[in-house]
Amino acid sequence: MPVIFITDALVFLLLTMICGFIIYARQHEHLRAPWREVAKRPLAMSAAVVLMLYIAIGILDSLHFHPKLDEPDKNGNSVYSTEIISVLDKLLVNLIESTESTYSAPFSAYAYVKESIETEDGNKIRDYPRLKYAGAHLINPEQERTPDIVFRTTLGAVIGLLFSCFIFLIFIILQARRLHVNIMTIAKRIYSNKFDVPWYAVLLTIAVLIVVFNIIFQLSGHYHVLGTDKVGQDVMYQAIKSIRTGLVIGTLTTLVMLPFAILMGLMAGYFRGWVDDVIQYIYTTLNSIPGVLLIAASILLLQVYMTKHEADFTSLAERADLRLLFLCIILGIMSWTGLCRMLRAETLKLREMDYVQAAQAFGVGNFSIMMRHLLPNVMHIVMISIVLDFSGLVLAEAVLSYINIGVDPSMNSWGNMINSARLEMAREPVVWWSLAAAFVFMFLLVLAANLFSDAVRDAFDPRLRGI
């Protein structure tokens, strides 16, 4: 039985808008040309492949449903669980079910903390107990673990390479049929980078991801690759589940921010006078409010509301989703002022151009002038701002959750992982893997977003393009 959260609906609305923009851009050369420049950059295309992987995981985690129970009711009708899971949870069920009792280090077959263990002769000793799932297939972990890890890593790498070669072959055959040349010619063109798109970079990135995925797949069925947390939950599962939270913060905040920024910026620059003064007063006032205090006050108000209206929420997941949406709205209200300033400055220049003056002389309405003549000419600023702000918003979620004013504590997020790792770092010995996992996953997303945004900025900025 499907379940649609508010953020799920907004995510798919945003995907629909992106698809619509792609169709629109394909029909207009002035929009297609910059994207062709982006596609010529190897680093940008490699970053795009990584971003597509993150987006695919986020989409799978946005498809929620009530799982069907095995046994029907007394009338033979299907019965659904009250639990809400996603398609990603279904795919990662092995990681969910392999929950240990407490901490365990990456690839370990023993718990991280000594416990009282009863021996075969009835005596009790203090030692590290065997884990229930990780390394359970090993008889003697001290001697067998390292060769087993090496074997499974090698097996995963070989399978990944074979699968990558198969994908390369299919791609080369399709290109050969499309261009009506032989396979060797296409292979040489890809190797020599003779295409407009650097396919060698794309295929190499895909191959690396496939190999890494297969290695993790081979290992995760028998070990906790990134260890477990205090309650024994797999840390890699938490890091993967946190991807959706980071993407939602980075994208839905943009969806909230754009209408304010575009409308206010165009109106301030086009009408000037008292309209400009009012808009400047609004965003100057917003900028003068400390952001952390505004977010903290808003989250506190939301918590008070949810406490007084508990009956309106059927599950903890619904409460956490509402808090995530509210956080996106607050961040969007706070972050539109910078883009508004840039659009105002650009509109002040564009309104003096001949084609705008001619439209005014012919009696074209102000709204039509802003939508048909001004908005298309400031879209490069909007596009650059969107891709550059994404990384900052992902990092903002981590910082806000670290100080307990971010997403709900029950929701998986990199910020919550870092917040919980703060106390774990004070243990002896140190529990470091939760912090490391959150750092690596967030680092890869932010790095890919920054590399891609640099290419978009260079392609869409008229000054850098020599226009």
Protein backbone atom coordinates (compact mmCIF):
# COMPACT_ATOMS: atom_id res chain seq x y z
CA MET A 1 0.00 0.00 0.00
CA PRO A 2 1.72 3.23 -1.15
CA VAL A 3 2.27 6.15 1.23
CA ILE A 4 3.02 9.65 -0.06
CA PHE A 5 4.68 12.10 2.30
CA ILE A 6 4.61 15.82 1.56
CA THR A 7 8.32 15.84 0.77
CA ASP A 8 7.85 12.84 -1.53
CA ALA A 9 5.23 14.73 -3.52
CA LEU A 10 7.46 17.80 -3.74
CA VAL A 11 10.44 15.71 -4.82
CA PHE A 12 8.50 14.21 -7.72
CA LEU A 13 7.07 17.64 -8.56
CA LEU A 14 10.63 18.94 -8.78
CA LEU A 15 11.62 16.00 -10.99
CA THR A 16 8.68 16.78 -13.27
CA MET A 17 9.77 20.42 -13.49
CA ILE A 18 13.33 19.35 -14.36
CA CYS A 19 12.05 17.05 -17.09
CA GLY A 20 9.92 19.90 -18.42
CA PHE A 21 12.92 22.21 -18.43
CA ILE A 22 14.98 19.62 -20.31
CA ILE A 23 12.28 19.34 -22.99
CA TYR A 24 12.04 23.13 -23.20
CA ALA A 25 15.84 23.58 -23.36
CA ARG A 26 16.17 21.04 -26.18
CA GLN A 27 13.93 23.23 -28.31
CA HIS A 28 15.90 26.46 -27.74
CA GLU A 29 19.47 26.81 -28.98
CA HIS A 30 20.44 29.52 -26.49
CA LEU A 31 19.77 27.02 -23.68
CA ARG A 32 21.22 23.99 -25.43
CA ALA A 33 24.56 25.66 -26.20
CA PRO A 34 25.68 26.15 -22.55
CA TRP A 35 24.74 22.58 -21.65
CA ARG A 36 26.81 21.31 -24.59
CA GLU A 37 29.76 23.18 -23.11
CA VAL A 38 29.13 21.49 -19.76
CA ALA A 39 28.99 18.09 -21.46
CA LYS A 40 32.45 18.64 -23.00
CA ARG A 41 34.17 18.72 -19.60
CA PRO A 42 35.41 15.33 -18.30
CA LEU A 43 35.32 16.33 -14.62
CA ALA A 44 31.80 17.70 -14.96
CA MET A 45 30.54 14.53 -16.61
CA SER A 46 32.19 12.30 -14.01
CA ALA A 47 30.62 14.44 -11.28
CA ALA A 48 27.26 14.17 -13.06
CA VAL A 49 27.47 10.35 -12.95
CA VAL A 50 28.11 10.45 -9.19
CA LEU A 51 25.23 12.90 -8.71
CA MET A 52 22.92 10.66 -10.73
CA LEU A 53 23.78 7.76 -8.40
CA TYR A 54 22.92 9.86 -5.35
CA ILE A 55 19.70 11.04 -7.00
CA ALA A 56 18.70 7.46 -7.88
CA ILE A 57 19.19 6.41 -4.25
CA GLY A 58 17.17 9.43 -3.09
CA ILE A 59 14.30 8.56 -5.45
CA LEU A 60 14.22 4.94 -4.26
CA ASP A 61 14.08 6.20 -0.68
CA SER A 62 11.17 8.51 -1.58
CA LEU A 63 8.89 5.65 -2.67
CA HIS A 64 7.20 4.76 0.63
CA PHE A 65 4.62 2.06 1.31
CA HIS A 66 3.09 -0.16 3.98
CA PRO A 67 4.52 -3.68 3.53
CA LYS A 68 2.06 -6.50 3.04
CA LEU A 69 1.91 -9.09 5.83
CA ASP A 70 2.31 -12.75 5.02
CA GLU A 71 -0.96 -13.86 6.61
CA PRO A 72 -4.36 -12.47 5.48
CA ASP A 73 -7.17 -11.68 7.90
CA LYS A 74 -9.98 -14.09 8.73
CA ASN A 75 -11.93 -12.98 5.63
CA GLY A 76 -9.00 -13.67 3.33
CA ASN A 77 -8.25 -10.00 2.69
CA SER A 78 -4.70 -8.67 2.50
CA VAL A 79 -3.34 -7.14 5.69
CA TYR A 80 -0.74 -4.39 5.65
CA SER A 81 1.70 -3.49 8.37
CA THR A 82 1.48 -0.14 10.15
CA GLU A 83 5.21 0.29 9.53
CA ILE A 84 6.22 2.61 6.68
CA ILE A 85 9.27 1.61 4.64
CA SER A 86 10.71 2.64 1.29
CA VAL A 87 11.87 0.73 -1.77
CA LEU A 88 15.43 1.38 -0.65
CA ASP A 89 14.67 -0.30 2.69
CA LYS A 90 13.41 -3.32 0.78
CA LEU A 91 16.66 -3.49 -1.20
CA LEU A 92 18.78 -3.08 1.94
CA VAL A 93 16.80 -5.51 4.07
CA ASN A 94 19.95 -7.54 4.72
CA LEU A 95 21.62 -4.56 6.39
CA ILE A 96 18.50 -3.81 8.41
CA GLU A 97 18.05 -7.32 9.74
CA SER A 98 21.71 -7.89 10.63
CA THR A 99 21.52 -5.79 13.80
CA GLU A 100 24.02 -6.55 16.53
CA SER A 101 23.74 -5.81 20.24
CA THR A 102 26.10 -2.80 20.34
CA TYR A 103 29.23 -1.32 18.77
CA SER A 104 31.38 -3.32 16.40
CA ALA A 105 34.30 -2.06 14.31
CA PRO A 106 34.36 -2.28 10.50
CA PHE A 107 34.97 -5.83 9.23
CA SER A 108 35.18 -7.14 12.78
CA ALA A 109 33.81 -10.49 13.90
CA TYR A 110 33.76 -9.47 17.55
CA ALA A 111 31.95 -6.81 19.55
CA TYR A 112 33.85 -3.63 20.40
CA VAL A 113 33.13 -3.81 24.14
CA LYS A 114 34.03 -6.60 26.54
CA GLU A 115 31.14 -8.49 28.11
CA SER A 116 30.70 -11.29 30.60
CA ILE A 117 30.82 -14.54 28.64
CA GLU A 118 30.01 -17.96 30.04
CA THR A 119 32.44 -20.62 28.88
CA GLU A 120 31.63 -24.26 28.14
CA ASP A 121 32.73 -25.34 31.61
CA GLY A 122 30.36 -22.84 33.27
CA ASN A 123 32.92 -20.18 34.21
CA LYS A 124 32.39 -16.51 33.36
CA ILE A 125 35.11 -14.41 31.77
CA ARG A 126 35.36 -10.85 30.44
CA ASP A 127 36.06 -10.96 26.72
CA TYR A 128 34.91 -9.67 23.34
CA PRO A 129 31.89 -11.77 22.29
CA ARG A 130 31.35 -13.01 18.73
CA LEU A 131 28.95 -10.98 16.63
CA LYS A 132 25.64 -12.53 15.69
CA TYR A 133 25.86 -11.82 11.95
CA ALA A 134 29.24 -10.37 10.97
CA GLY A 135 31.82 -13.10 10.51
CA ALA A 136 29.35 -15.78 11.59
CA HIS A 137 30.47 -17.99 8.69
CA LEU A 138 34.04 -18.11 10.05
CA ILE A 139 35.13 -20.84 12.44
CA ASN A 140 38.35 -19.12 13.49
CA PRO A 141 38.04 -15.37 12.72
CA GLU A 142 41.61 -14.53 13.80
CA GLN A 143 43.07 -16.68 11.04
CA GLU A 144 40.29 -16.80 8.46
CA ARG A 145 39.00 -13.21 8.40
CA THR A 146 41.78 -11.50 6.40
CA PRO A 147 41.95 -14.17 3.62
CA ASP A 148 38.14 -14.17 3.44
CA ILE A 149 37.98 -10.37 3.08
CA VAL A 150 40.68 -10.44 0.39
CA PHE A 151 38.84 -13.21 -1.48
CA ARG A 152 35.49 -11.47 -1.40
CA THR A 153 37.04 -8.13 -2.36
CA THR A 154 38.79 -9.75 -5.32
CA LEU A 155 35.61 -11.57 -6.34
CA GLY A 156 33.59 -8.35 -6.21
CA ALA A 157 36.22 -6.49 -8.23
CA VAL A 158 36.34 -9.20 -10.91
CA ILE A 159 32.54 -9.36 -11.21
CA GLY A 160 32.40 -5.55 -11.36
CA LEU A 161 35.04 -5.41 -14.09
CA LEU A 162 33.27 -8.09 -16.15
CA PHE A 163 29.95 -6.28 -15.81
CA SER A 164 31.62 -2.98 -16.73
CA CYS A 165 33.12 -4.55 -19.84
CA PHE A 166 29.68 -5.83 -20.80
CA ILE A 167 28.21 -2.33 -20.43
CA PHE A 168 31.08 -0.85 -22.47
CA LEU A 169 30.49 -3.40 -25.23
CA ILE A 170 26.76 -2.66 -25.37
CA PHE A 171 27.47 1.08 -25.52
CA ILE A 172 30.06 0.69 -28.30
CA ILE A 173 27.70 -1.52 -30.35
CA LEU A 174 24.87 1.02 -30.03
CA GLN A 175 27.16 3.87 -31.05
CA ALA A 176 28.47 1.86 -33.98
CA ARG A 177 24.96 1.20 -35.24
CA ARG A 178 23.97 4.83 -34.79
CA LEU A 179 26.99 6.17 -36.71
CA HIS A 180 27.15 3.23 -39.18
CA VAL A 181 30.80 2.43 -38.50
CA ASN A 182 32.57 -0.62 -37.10
CA ILE A 183 33.10 -1.32 -33.42
CA MET A 184 36.88 -0.76 -33.46
CA THR A 185 36.42 2.73 -34.90
CA ILE A 186 34.06 3.69 -32.08
CA ALA A 187 36.45 2.26 -29.49
CA LYS A 188 39.34 4.28 -30.94
CA ARG A 189 37.23 7.45 -31.00
CA ILE A 190 36.27 6.99 -27.35
CA TYR A 191 39.88 6.31 -26.34
CA SER A 192 41.11 9.34 -28.34
CA ASN A 193 38.25 11.54 -27.07
CA LYS A 194 36.93 12.30 -30.57
CA PHE A 195 33.33 12.73 -29.40
CA ASP A 196 31.80 15.99 -28.18
CA VAL A 197 31.00 14.22 -24.91
CA PRO A 198 34.03 12.73 -23.09
CA TRP A 199 32.60 9.23 -22.96
CA TYR A 200 35.85 7.81 -21.64
CA ALA A 201 35.39 9.81 -18.44
CA VAL A 202 31.74 8.78 -18.13
CA LEU A 203 32.44 5.09 -18.75
CA LEU A 204 35.45 5.07 -16.43
CA THR A 205 33.41 6.64 -13.62
CA ILE A 206 30.62 4.13 -14.16
CA ALA A 207 33.15 1.29 -14.08
CA VAL A 208 34.64 2.51 -10.79
CA LEU A 209 31.17 2.79 -9.22
CA ILE A 210 30.18 -0.68 -10.44
CA VAL A 211 33.38 -2.22 -9.04
CA VAL A 212 32.96 -0.47 -5.68
CA PHE A 213 29.28 -1.49 -5.54
CA ASN A 214 30.10 -5.14 -6.24
CA ILE A 215 32.87 -5.20 -3.63
CA ILE A 216 30.53 -3.73 -1.01
CA PHE A 217 27.80 -6.17 -2.06
CA GLN A 218 30.10 -9.15 -1.64
CA LEU A 219 31.34 -7.95 1.76
CA SER A 220 28.13 -6.56 3.29
CA GLY A 221 26.46 -9.96 3.30
CA HIS A 222 29.08 -11.30 5.72
CA TYR A 223 30.55 -8.23 7.48
CA HIS A 224 29.58 -4.78 8.68
CA VAL A 225 31.68 -2.83 6.21
CA LEU A 226 31.42 0.42 8.19
CA GLY A 227 30.76 -1.11 11.60
CA THR A 228 27.70 -0.68 13.82
CA ASP A 229 26.51 2.04 16.19
CA LYS A 230 25.53 1.97 19.86
CA VAL A 231 22.33 -0.01 19.25
CA GLY A 232 24.00 -2.36 16.77
CA GLN A 233 22.54 -0.86 13.60
CA ASP A 234 24.69 -1.01 10.47
CA VAL A 235 26.43 2.35 9.92
CA MET A 236 26.56 1.94 6.14
CA TYR A 237 22.77 1.60 6.09
CA GLN A 238 22.47 4.85 8.07
CA ALA A 239 24.85 6.66 5.70
CA ILE A 240 22.94 5.47 2.62
CA LYS A 241 19.57 6.37 4.17
CA SER A 242 20.91 9.86 4.92
CA ILE A 243 21.34 10.59 1.21
CA ARG A 244 17.65 11.39 0.75
CA THR A 245 17.71 13.88 3.63
CA GLY A 246 20.68 15.74 2.16
CA LEU A 247 19.12 15.84 -1.32
CA VAL A 248 15.75 17.01 -0.02
CA ILE A 249 17.37 19.83 1.94
CA GLY A 250 19.41 20.89 -1.08
CA THR A 251 16.61 20.72 -3.65
CA LEU A 252 13.33 21.55 -1.91
CA THR A 253 14.89 24.60 -0.30
CA THR A 254 15.65 25.81 -3.81
CA LEU A 255 12.05 25.15 -4.82
CA VAL A 256 10.88 27.36 -1.94
CA MET A 257 13.46 30.07 -2.55
CA LEU A 258 13.22 30.56 -6.33
CA PRO A 259 9.73 32.16 -6.60
CA PHE A 260 10.59 34.78 -3.95
CA ALA A 261 14.00 35.57 -5.41
CA ILE A 262 12.94 35.79 -9.06
CA LEU A 263 9.73 37.76 -8.51
CA MET A 264 11.21 40.19 -5.98
CA GLY A 265 14.44 40.68 -7.92
CA LEU A 266 12.71 41.41 -11.23
CA MET A 267 10.17 43.74 -9.63
CA ALA A 268 12.81 45.70 -7.69
CA GLY A 269 15.01 46.22 -10.74
CA TYR A 270 12.23 46.89 -13.23
CA PHE A 271 9.85 49.18 -11.30
CA ARG A 272 12.49 50.89 -9.12
CA GLY A 273 11.12 53.71 -6.94
CA TRP A 274 9.07 52.76 -3.90
CA VAL A 275 8.76 49.13 -5.02
CA ASP A 276 12.53 48.82 -4.98
CA ASP A 277 12.70 50.50 -1.57
CA VAL A 278 10.13 48.12 -0.04
CA ILE A 279 11.81 45.00 -1.41
CA GLN A 280 15.24 46.17 -0.27
CA TYR A 281 13.81 46.86 3.19
CA ILE A 282 12.35 43.33 3.34
CA TYR A 283 15.53 41.45 2.46
CA THR A 284 17.71 43.78 4.53
CA THR A 285 15.51 43.07 7.54
CA LEU A 286 15.69 39.32 6.93
CA ASN A 287 19.47 39.45 6.63
CA SER A 288 19.73 41.29 9.94
CA ILE A 289 18.07 38.38 11.81
CA PRO A 290 20.60 35.74 12.98
CA GLY A 291 19.80 32.64 10.96
CA VAL A 292 20.42 30.10 13.70
CA LEU A 293 18.09 31.92 16.10
CA LEU A 294 15.33 32.13 13.48
CA ILE A 295 15.62 28.41 12.69
CA ALA A 296 15.70 27.47 16.38
CA ALA A 297 12.61 29.57 17.13
CA SER A 298 10.73 28.11 14.14
CA ILE A 299 11.60 24.51 15.03
CA LEU A 300 10.52 25.15 18.64
CA LEU A 301 7.16 26.50 17.43
CA LEU A 302 6.71 23.44 15.23
CA GLN A 303 7.48 21.09 18.12
CA VAL A 304 4.92 22.87 20.30
CA TYR A 305 2.33 22.53 17.52
CA MET A 306 3.04 18.81 17.02
CA THR A 307 2.86 18.19 20.76
CA LYS A 308 -0.58 19.81 20.98
CA HIS A 309 -1.87 18.01 17.86
CA GLU A 310 -0.50 14.50 18.30
CA ALA A 311 -3.68 12.97 16.92
CA ASP A 312 -3.00 14.55 13.51
CA PHE A 313 0.12 12.43 13.02
CA THR A 314 -0.28 8.70 12.48
CA SER A 315 3.41 7.80 12.73
CA LEU A 316 6.82 9.08 13.78
CA ALA A 317 7.86 9.08 10.12
CA GLU A 318 5.10 11.57 9.32
CA ARG A 319 6.22 13.84 12.16
CA ALA A 320 9.82 13.67 10.99
CA ASP A 321 8.76 14.42 7.40
CA LEU A 322 6.84 17.52 8.50
CA ARG A 323 9.86 18.78 10.42
CA LEU A 324 12.06 18.21 7.37
CA LEU A 325 9.62 20.15 5.19
CA PHE A 326 9.45 22.96 7.74
CA LEU A 327 13.24 23.15 7.82
CA CYS A 328 13.32 23.44 4.02
CA ILE A 329 10.80 26.28 4.15
CA ILE A 330 12.78 28.19 6.80
CA LEU A 331 16.06 27.76 4.92
CA GLY A 332 14.32 28.84 1.70
CA ILE A 333 12.95 32.00 3.33
CA MET A 334 16.42 32.84 4.63
CA SER A 335 18.39 32.09 1.44
CA TRP A 336 16.44 33.94 -1.27
CA THR A 337 17.89 37.35 -0.47
CA GLY A 338 21.30 36.79 -2.10
CA LEU A 339 19.83 35.74 -5.46
CA CYS A 340 17.29 38.56 -5.23
CA ARG A 341 20.11 41.12 -4.95
CA MET A 342 21.89 39.76 -8.02
CA LEU A 343 18.69 39.66 -10.09
CA ARG A 344 17.83 43.22 -9.04
CA ALA A 345 21.24 44.49 -10.17
CA GLU A 346 21.02 42.65 -13.50
CA THR A 347 17.46 43.84 -14.11
CA LEU A 348 18.46 47.46 -13.48
CA LYS A 349 20.87 47.09 -16.40
CA LEU A 350 18.57 45.13 -18.69
CA ARG A 351 15.60 47.50 -18.34
CA GLU A 352 17.63 50.18 -20.17
CA MET A 353 18.30 47.93 -23.17
CA ASP A 354 16.77 48.87 -26.52
CA TYR A 355 14.48 45.85 -26.81
CA VAL A 356 12.91 46.59 -23.41
CA GLN A 357 12.47 50.26 -24.27
CA ALA A 358 10.88 49.27 -27.59
CA ALA A 359 8.46 46.90 -25.85
CA GLN A 360 7.43 49.67 -23.46
CA ALA A 361 6.92 52.07 -26.39
CA PHE A 362 4.63 49.57 -28.12
CA GLY A 363 2.51 49.31 -24.97
CA VAL A 364 3.48 45.78 -23.91
CA GLY A 365 2.40 45.09 -20.33
CA ASN A 366 4.93 45.17 -17.52
CA PHE A 367 4.35 41.53 -16.57
CA SER A 368 4.86 40.40 -20.19
CA ILE A 369 8.10 42.38 -20.42
CA MET A 370 9.43 40.81 -17.24
CA MET A 371 8.50 37.26 -18.29
CA ARG A 372 9.41 37.45 -21.99
CA HIS A 373 12.36 39.84 -22.10
CA LEU A 374 13.92 40.05 -18.65
CA LEU A 375 13.53 36.56 -17.15
CA PRO A 376 15.20 34.65 -20.05
CA ASN A 377 18.18 37.02 -19.85
CA VAL A 378 18.74 36.48 -16.12
CA MET A 379 18.30 32.70 -16.16
CA HIS A 380 22.06 32.17 -16.29
CA ILE A 381 22.31 33.86 -12.88
CA VAL A 382 19.47 31.70 -11.54
CA MET A 383 21.09 28.52 -12.86
CA ILE A 384 24.50 29.39 -11.43
CA SER A 385 23.00 30.29 -8.05
CA ILE A 386 21.04 27.02 -7.84
CA VAL A 387 24.01 24.75 -8.43
CA LEU A 388 26.34 26.76 -6.19
CA ASP A 389 23.88 26.95 -3.28
CA PHE A 390 23.17 23.21 -3.28
CA SER A 391 26.44 22.28 -1.55
CA GLY A 392 25.98 24.97 1.09
CA LEU A 393 22.50 23.72 1.92
CA VAL A 394 23.68 20.12 2.31
CA LEU A 395 26.38 21.29 4.71
CA ALA A 396 23.86 23.52 6.51
CA GLU A 397 21.73 20.46 7.36
CA ALA A 398 24.74 18.76 8.93
CA VAL A 399 25.58 21.83 11.01
CA LEU A 400 21.98 22.41 12.15
CA SER A 401 21.44 18.75 13.09
CA TYR A 402 24.74 18.84 14.99
CA ILE A 403 23.32 21.54 17.27
CA ASN A 404 19.93 19.76 17.54
CA ILE A 405 17.85 22.26 15.54
CA GLY A 406 17.92 20.37 12.24
CA VAL A 407 15.92 17.36 11.13
CA ASP A 408 14.11 15.09 13.57
CA PRO A 409 16.46 12.87 15.65
CA SER A 410 14.57 9.79 14.45
CA MET A 411 15.38 10.60 10.81
CA ASN A 412 18.59 9.34 9.25
CA SER A 413 20.86 12.23 8.28
CA TRP A 414 24.56 12.92 8.16
CA GLY A 415 24.08 15.69 10.70
CA ASN A 416 22.49 13.30 13.19
CA MET A 417 25.29 10.80 12.59
CA ILE A 418 27.90 13.49 13.30
CA ASN A 419 25.96 14.61 16.37
CA SER A 420 25.88 11.08 17.79
CA ALA A 421 29.54 10.59 16.91
CA ARG A 422 30.43 13.58 19.09
CA LEU A 423 29.86 11.50 22.22
CA GLU A 424 31.40 8.38 20.71
CA MET A 425 34.68 10.20 20.04
CA ALA A 426 35.07 10.68 23.82
CA ARG A 427 35.02 6.92 24.45
CA GLU A 428 38.10 4.85 25.09
CA PRO A 429 38.80 3.25 22.70
CA VAL A 430 37.43 5.79 20.20
CA VAL A 431 34.40 4.88 18.06
CA TRP A 432 35.37 6.71 14.88
CA TRP A 433 33.52 4.96 12.06
CA SER A 434 30.16 6.78 12.33
CA LEU A 435 31.88 10.14 11.87
CA ALA A 436 34.06 8.79 9.07
CA ALA A 437 31.08 7.30 7.19
CA ALA A 438 29.07 10.54 7.38
CA PHE A 439 32.12 12.52 6.29
CA VAL A 440 32.89 10.31 3.27
CA PHE A 441 29.31 10.19 1.94
CA MET A 442 28.79 13.93 2.44
CA PHE A 443 32.23 14.75 1.01
CA LEU A 444 31.55 12.80 -2.21
CA LEU A 445 28.17 14.50 -2.72
CA VAL A 446 29.48 18.02 -2.05
CA LEU A 447 32.61 17.45 -4.16
CA ALA A 448 30.58 16.17 -7.12
CA ALA A 449 28.13 19.06 -6.77
CA ASN A 450 30.95 21.62 -6.67
CA LEU A 451 32.74 20.17 -9.70
CA PHE A 452 29.51 20.13 -11.68
CA SER A 453 28.50 23.62 -10.53
CA ASP A 454 31.87 25.06 -11.61
CA ALA A 455 31.28 23.79 -15.14
CA VAL A 456 27.71 25.14 -15.16
CA ARG A 457 28.91 28.53 -13.93
CA ASP A 458 31.55 28.78 -16.65
CA ALA A 459 29.12 27.66 -19.35
CA PHE A 460 26.24 29.96 -18.41
CA ASP A 461 28.19 33.10 -17.46
CA PRO A 462 28.15 35.38 -20.56
CA ARG A 463 31.39 37.08 -19.51
CA LEU A 464 33.28 33.77 -19.42
CA ARG A 465 31.73 32.67 -22.72
CA GLY A 466 32.80 35.89 -24.41
CA ILE A 467 29.24 36.98 -25.25
